[in-house]
Amino acid sequence: MVSTAGTASGVERPGPDDVAAALIDAISSVRRAARRQAGRVEALSSLSGAEIELVRALRRHPGRSVAEMAAELRLAPNTVSTLVARLAAAGMVHREADSSDRRVVRLSLSPG
């Protein structure tokens, strides 16, 4: 039901039913976003410090290789490779072969 209440200036504004409906929609959106964020925080809480640093670096620089991530994080490439394997097994990191050099793997965060 759409209702508007006039004002002394003749400008139409939403009625109480319209405001209430808009508020309910907004609250529903906030609750959905909060549930999604809570799931992400729960997933991150089980990660080691090095895994969290890798996730943060991948958020800033998606598409980098293991070697590039190792250089940025000042870790040995085999250490980063191990971290990537664990994060990939947990569904948090996506690995894709480079289109120009199939020996290189490009990393990104998994959607969601």
C-alpha atoms as a PDB file:
ATOM      1  CA  MET A   1       0.000   0.000   0.000  1.00  0.00           C
ATOM      2  CA  VAL A   2       1.545   3.277  -1.075  1.00  0.00           C
ATOM      3  CA  SER A   3       0.563   6.369   0.786  1.00  0.00           C
ATOM      4  CA  THR A   4       1.966   9.828   0.860  1.00  0.00           C
ATOM      5  CA  ALA A   5       1.278  12.645   3.211  1.00  0.00           C
ATOM      6  CA  GLY A   6       1.269  16.158   1.888  1.00  0.00           C
ATOM      7  CA  THR A   7       3.062  19.021   3.578  1.00  0.00           C
ATOM      8  CA  ALA A   8       2.224  22.651   3.903  1.00  0.00           C
ATOM      9  CA  SER A   9       4.535  23.388   0.978  1.00  0.00           C
ATOM     10  CA  GLY A  10       2.676  20.927  -1.251  1.00  0.00           C
ATOM     11  CA  VAL A  11       5.659  18.557  -1.524  1.00  0.00           C
ATOM     12  CA  GLU A  12       4.680  14.896  -1.288  1.00  0.00           C
ATOM     13  CA  ARG A  13       6.607  12.742   1.185  1.00  0.00           C
ATOM     14  CA  PRO A  14       6.377   9.074   2.084  1.00  0.00           C
ATOM     15  CA  GLY A  15       3.757   8.027   4.581  1.00  0.00           C
ATOM     16  CA  PRO A  16       4.435   5.927   7.682  1.00  0.00           C
ATOM     17  CA  ASP A  17       3.673   2.645   5.868  1.00  0.00           C
ATOM     18  CA  ASP A  18       6.223   3.461   3.155  1.00  0.00           C
ATOM     19  CA  VAL A  19       8.876   4.416   5.679  1.00  0.00           C
ATOM     20  CA  ALA A  20       8.238   1.230   7.679  1.00  0.00           C
ATOM     21  CA  ALA A  21       8.503  -0.961   4.559  1.00  0.00           C
ATOM     22  CA  ALA A  22      11.761   0.723   3.520  1.00  0.00           C
ATOM     23  CA  LEU A  23      13.150   0.289   7.033  1.00  0.00           C
ATOM     24  CA  ILE A  24      12.283  -3.424   7.099  1.00  0.00           C
ATOM     25  CA  ASP A  25      14.022  -3.886   3.726  1.00  0.00           C
ATOM     26  CA  ALA A  26      17.115  -2.058   4.983  1.00  0.00           C
ATOM     27  CA  ILE A  27      17.263  -4.091   8.209  1.00  0.00           C
ATOM     28  CA  SER A  28      16.974  -7.326   6.231  1.00  0.00           C
ATOM     29  CA  SER A  29      19.879  -6.269   4.017  1.00  0.00           C
ATOM     30  CA  VAL A  30      22.040  -5.399   7.021  1.00  0.00           C
ATOM     31  CA  ARG A  31      21.269  -8.736   8.692  1.00  0.00           C
ATOM     32  CA  ARG A  32      22.205 -10.687   5.534  1.00  0.00           C
ATOM     33  CA  ALA A  33      25.472  -8.755   5.219  1.00  0.00           C
ATOM     34  CA  ALA A  34      26.265  -9.354   8.899  1.00  0.00           C
ATOM     35  CA  ARG A  35      25.687 -13.122   8.526  1.00  0.00           C
ATOM     36  CA  ARG A  36      27.970 -13.237   5.473  1.00  0.00           C
ATOM     37  CA  GLN A  37      30.683 -11.273   7.298  1.00  0.00           C
ATOM     38  CA  ALA A  38      30.404 -13.444  10.416  1.00  0.00           C
ATOM     39  CA  GLY A  39      31.039 -16.529   8.284  1.00  0.00           C
ATOM     40  CA  ARG A  40      34.170 -14.946   6.847  1.00  0.00           C
ATOM     41  CA  VAL A  41      35.469 -13.940  10.273  1.00  0.00           C
ATOM     42  CA  GLU A  42      34.881 -17.477  11.559  1.00  0.00           C
ATOM     43  CA  ALA A  43      36.838 -18.930   8.621  1.00  0.00           C
ATOM     44  CA  LEU A  44      39.701 -16.489   9.166  1.00  0.00           C
ATOM     45  CA  SER A  45      39.893 -17.178  12.894  1.00  0.00           C
ATOM     46  CA  SER A  46      41.255 -20.673  12.239  1.00  0.00           C
ATOM     47  CA  LEU A  47      44.155 -19.421  10.080  1.00  0.00           C
ATOM     48  CA  SER A  48      47.754 -19.029  11.206  1.00  0.00           C
ATOM     49  CA  GLY A  49      49.423 -15.629  11.174  1.00  0.00           C
ATOM     50  CA  ALA A  50      51.326 -16.466   7.983  1.00  0.00           C
ATOM     51  CA  GLU A  51      48.118 -17.618   6.261  1.00  0.00           C
ATOM     52  CA  ILE A  52      46.354 -14.391   7.231  1.00  0.00           C
ATOM     53  CA  GLU A  53      49.260 -12.345   5.854  1.00  0.00           C
ATOM     54  CA  LEU A  54      49.065 -14.270   2.582  1.00  0.00           C
ATOM     55  CA  VAL A  55      45.305 -13.691   2.349  1.00  0.00           C
ATOM     56  CA  ARG A  56      45.823  -9.961   2.958  1.00  0.00           C
ATOM     57  CA  ALA A  57      48.562  -9.808   0.323  1.00  0.00           C
ATOM     58  CA  LEU A  58      46.365 -11.624  -2.197  1.00  0.00           C
ATOM     59  CA  ARG A  59      43.523  -9.211  -1.482  1.00  0.00           C
ATOM     60  CA  ARG A  60      45.875  -6.328  -2.346  1.00  0.00           C
ATOM     61  CA  HIS A  61      47.543  -8.055  -5.308  1.00  0.00           C
ATOM     62  CA  PRO A  62      45.428 -10.790  -6.896  1.00  0.00           C
ATOM     63  CA  GLY A  63      47.009 -12.676  -9.777  1.00  0.00           C
ATOM     64  CA  ARG A  64      50.523 -12.837  -8.402  1.00  0.00           C
ATOM     65  CA  SER A  65      52.596 -15.990  -8.467  1.00  0.00           C
ATOM     66  CA  VAL A  66      53.912 -17.974  -5.499  1.00  0.00           C
ATOM     67  CA  ALA A  67      57.390 -16.524  -6.116  1.00  0.00           C
ATOM     68  CA  GLU A  68      56.022 -12.957  -6.188  1.00  0.00           C
ATOM     69  CA  MET A  69      54.080 -13.558  -2.965  1.00  0.00           C
ATOM     70  CA  ALA A  70      57.172 -15.067  -1.351  1.00  0.00           C
ATOM     71  CA  ALA A  71      59.226 -11.993  -2.257  1.00  0.00           C
ATOM     72  CA  GLU A  72      56.546  -9.622  -0.953  1.00  0.00           C
ATOM     73  CA  LEU A  73      56.114 -11.520   2.316  1.00  0.00           C
ATOM     74  CA  ARG A  74      59.859 -12.202   2.665  1.00  0.00           C
ATOM     75  CA  LEU A  75      59.273 -15.931   2.953  1.00  0.00           C
ATOM     76  CA  ALA A  76      60.824 -18.886   1.177  1.00  0.00           C
ATOM     77  CA  PRO A  77      58.873 -19.915  -1.942  1.00  0.00           C
ATOM     78  CA  ASN A  78      58.364 -23.443  -0.571  1.00  0.00           C
ATOM     79  CA  THR A  79      56.816 -21.949   2.586  1.00  0.00           C
ATOM     80  CA  VAL A  80      54.374 -19.890   0.513  1.00  0.00           C
ATOM     81  CA  SER A  81      53.627 -22.941  -1.612  1.00  0.00           C
ATOM     82  CA  THR A  82      52.710 -24.872   1.553  1.00  0.00           C
ATOM     83  CA  LEU A  83      50.492 -22.001   2.748  1.00  0.00           C
ATOM     84  CA  VAL A  84      48.797 -21.833  -0.650  1.00  0.00           C
ATOM     85  CA  ALA A  85      48.148 -25.587  -0.610  1.00  0.00           C
ATOM     86  CA  ARG A  86      46.464 -25.342   2.806  1.00  0.00           C
ATOM     87  CA  LEU A  87      44.381 -22.306   1.811  1.00  0.00           C
ATOM     88  CA  ALA A  88      43.394 -23.949  -1.479  1.00  0.00           C
ATOM     89  CA  ALA A  89      42.328 -27.113   0.361  1.00  0.00           C
ATOM     90  CA  ALA A  90      40.179 -24.914   2.616  1.00  0.00           C
ATOM     91  CA  GLY A  91      38.610 -23.323  -0.460  1.00  0.00           C
ATOM     92  CA  MET A  92      39.989 -19.864   0.246  1.00  0.00           C
ATOM     93  CA  VAL A  93      42.566 -19.555  -2.548  1.00  0.00           C
ATOM     94  CA  HIS A  94      42.170 -20.287  -6.229  1.00  0.00           C
ATOM     95  CA  ARG A  95      45.162 -21.382  -8.336  1.00  0.00           C
ATOM     96  CA  GLU A  96      45.213 -20.924 -12.106  1.00  0.00           C
ATOM     97  CA  ALA A  97      47.967 -21.591 -14.635  1.00  0.00           C
ATOM     98  CA  ASP A  98      49.390 -18.469 -16.273  1.00  0.00           C
ATOM     99  CA  SER A  99      48.148 -18.110 -19.859  1.00  0.00           C
ATOM    100  CA  SER A 100      51.606 -17.288 -21.247  1.00  0.00           C
ATOM    101  CA  ASP A 101      53.677 -19.729 -19.143  1.00  0.00           C
ATOM    102  CA  ARG A 102      51.830 -22.835 -17.965  1.00  0.00           C
ATOM    103  CA  ARG A 103      54.580 -23.533 -15.415  1.00  0.00           C
ATOM    104  CA  VAL A 104      53.580 -20.428 -13.408  1.00  0.00           C
ATOM    105  CA  VAL A 105      50.516 -20.510 -11.177  1.00  0.00           C
ATOM    106  CA  ARG A 106      48.567 -17.304 -10.554  1.00  0.00           C
ATOM    107  CA  LEU A 107      46.829 -16.936  -7.178  1.00  0.00           C
ATOM    108  CA  SER A 108      43.614 -15.234  -6.209  1.00  0.00           C
ATOM    109  CA  LEU A 109      41.146 -15.363  -3.346  1.00  0.00           C
ATOM    110  CA  SER A 110      38.179 -17.601  -3.928  1.00  0.00           C
ATOM    111  CA  PRO A 111      34.888 -15.746  -4.244  1.00  0.00           C
ATOM    112  CA  GLY A 112      32.604 -15.719  -1.263  1.00  0.00           C
END
